[in-house]
Amino acid sequence: MNADASEHRLSREKSVLFCAECSFENPISDGWLIVTEGDERTVVCPDCGHVADHRTTQSAPTQAPRAD
């Protein structure tokens, strides 16, 4: 790997989200359209309208009782 490639990789934030359709990239907290309805969250690209992520909020997993 050359120095230019490693410098570019190190300068990016880890939390950057990329649009698969138009290559828009930004941290999820900066520029993306976030639509929340009930327990669902959709992240939409502000440039092309592509849905980059759609999730349902799930409750924390419960632990099964131990069989000691």
Protein backbone atom coordinates (compact mmCIF):
# COMPACT_ATOMS: atom_id res chain seq x y z
CA MET A 1 0.00 0.00 0.00
CA ASN A 2 1.38 3.39 -0.86
CA ALA A 3 1.53 6.36 1.52
CA ASP A 4 -1.28 8.25 -0.27
CA ALA A 5 -3.73 5.37 0.14
CA SER A 6 -2.94 4.88 3.83
CA GLU A 7 -3.22 8.62 4.54
CA HIS A 8 -6.64 8.75 2.83
CA ARG A 9 -7.87 5.75 4.80
CA LEU A 10 -6.71 7.21 8.12
CA SER A 11 -8.31 10.59 7.44
CA ARG A 12 -11.83 9.14 7.03
CA GLU A 13 -14.16 8.78 9.97
CA LYS A 14 -15.22 5.25 10.83
CA SER A 15 -18.88 6.19 10.98
CA VAL A 16 -19.15 7.29 7.34
CA LEU A 17 -22.14 5.89 5.44
CA PHE A 18 -21.90 5.46 1.66
CA CYS A 19 -24.76 5.54 -0.84
CA ALA A 20 -24.56 2.53 -3.17
CA GLU A 21 -26.36 4.42 -5.96
CA CYS A 22 -24.65 7.81 -6.23
CA SER A 23 -21.54 7.55 -4.01
CA PHE A 24 -22.70 10.27 -1.56
CA GLU A 25 -20.75 9.84 1.67
CA ASN A 26 -21.07 11.52 5.05
CA PRO A 27 -21.34 10.56 8.70
CA ILE A 28 -24.88 9.41 9.42
CA SER A 29 -25.33 12.47 11.66
CA ASP A 30 -24.40 14.88 8.85
CA GLY A 31 -26.58 15.20 5.78
CA TRP A 32 -28.49 11.93 5.59
CA LEU A 33 -32.28 12.05 5.82
CA ILE A 34 -33.46 9.96 8.75
CA VAL A 35 -37.13 9.00 8.83
CA THR A 36 -38.45 7.43 12.03
CA GLU A 37 -41.92 5.93 12.17
CA GLY A 38 -42.95 3.88 15.17
CA ASP A 39 -40.15 1.40 15.78
CA GLU A 40 -38.68 1.69 12.27
CA ARG A 41 -35.81 3.91 11.11
CA THR A 42 -34.97 4.58 7.46
CA VAL A 43 -31.83 6.36 6.28
CA VAL A 44 -32.26 8.02 2.86
CA CYS A 45 -29.61 9.60 0.61
CA PRO A 46 -30.26 13.33 0.30
CA ASP A 47 -28.83 13.43 -3.24
CA CYS A 48 -30.64 10.58 -5.02
CA GLY A 49 -33.32 9.31 -2.60
CA HIS A 50 -31.86 5.78 -2.33
CA VAL A 51 -32.71 3.97 0.92
CA ALA A 52 -29.30 3.26 2.42
CA ASP A 53 -30.57 1.52 5.56
CA HIS A 54 -33.90 0.41 7.01
CA ARG A 55 -34.14 -1.15 10.46
CA THR A 56 -36.67 -2.09 13.03
CA THR A 57 -35.79 -1.22 16.60
CA GLN A 58 -35.48 -4.45 18.52
CA SER A 59 -35.61 -4.86 22.25
CA ALA A 60 -32.53 -6.10 24.05
CA PRO A 61 -32.18 -9.86 23.98
CA THR A 62 -33.37 -11.69 27.05
CA GLN A 63 -31.35 -14.38 28.73
CA ALA A 64 -32.82 -17.83 29.16
CA PRO A 65 -32.87 -19.16 32.73
CA ARG A 66 -29.80 -21.18 33.64
CA ALA A 67 -30.27 -24.93 33.95
CA ASP A 68 -27.98 -25.42 36.99
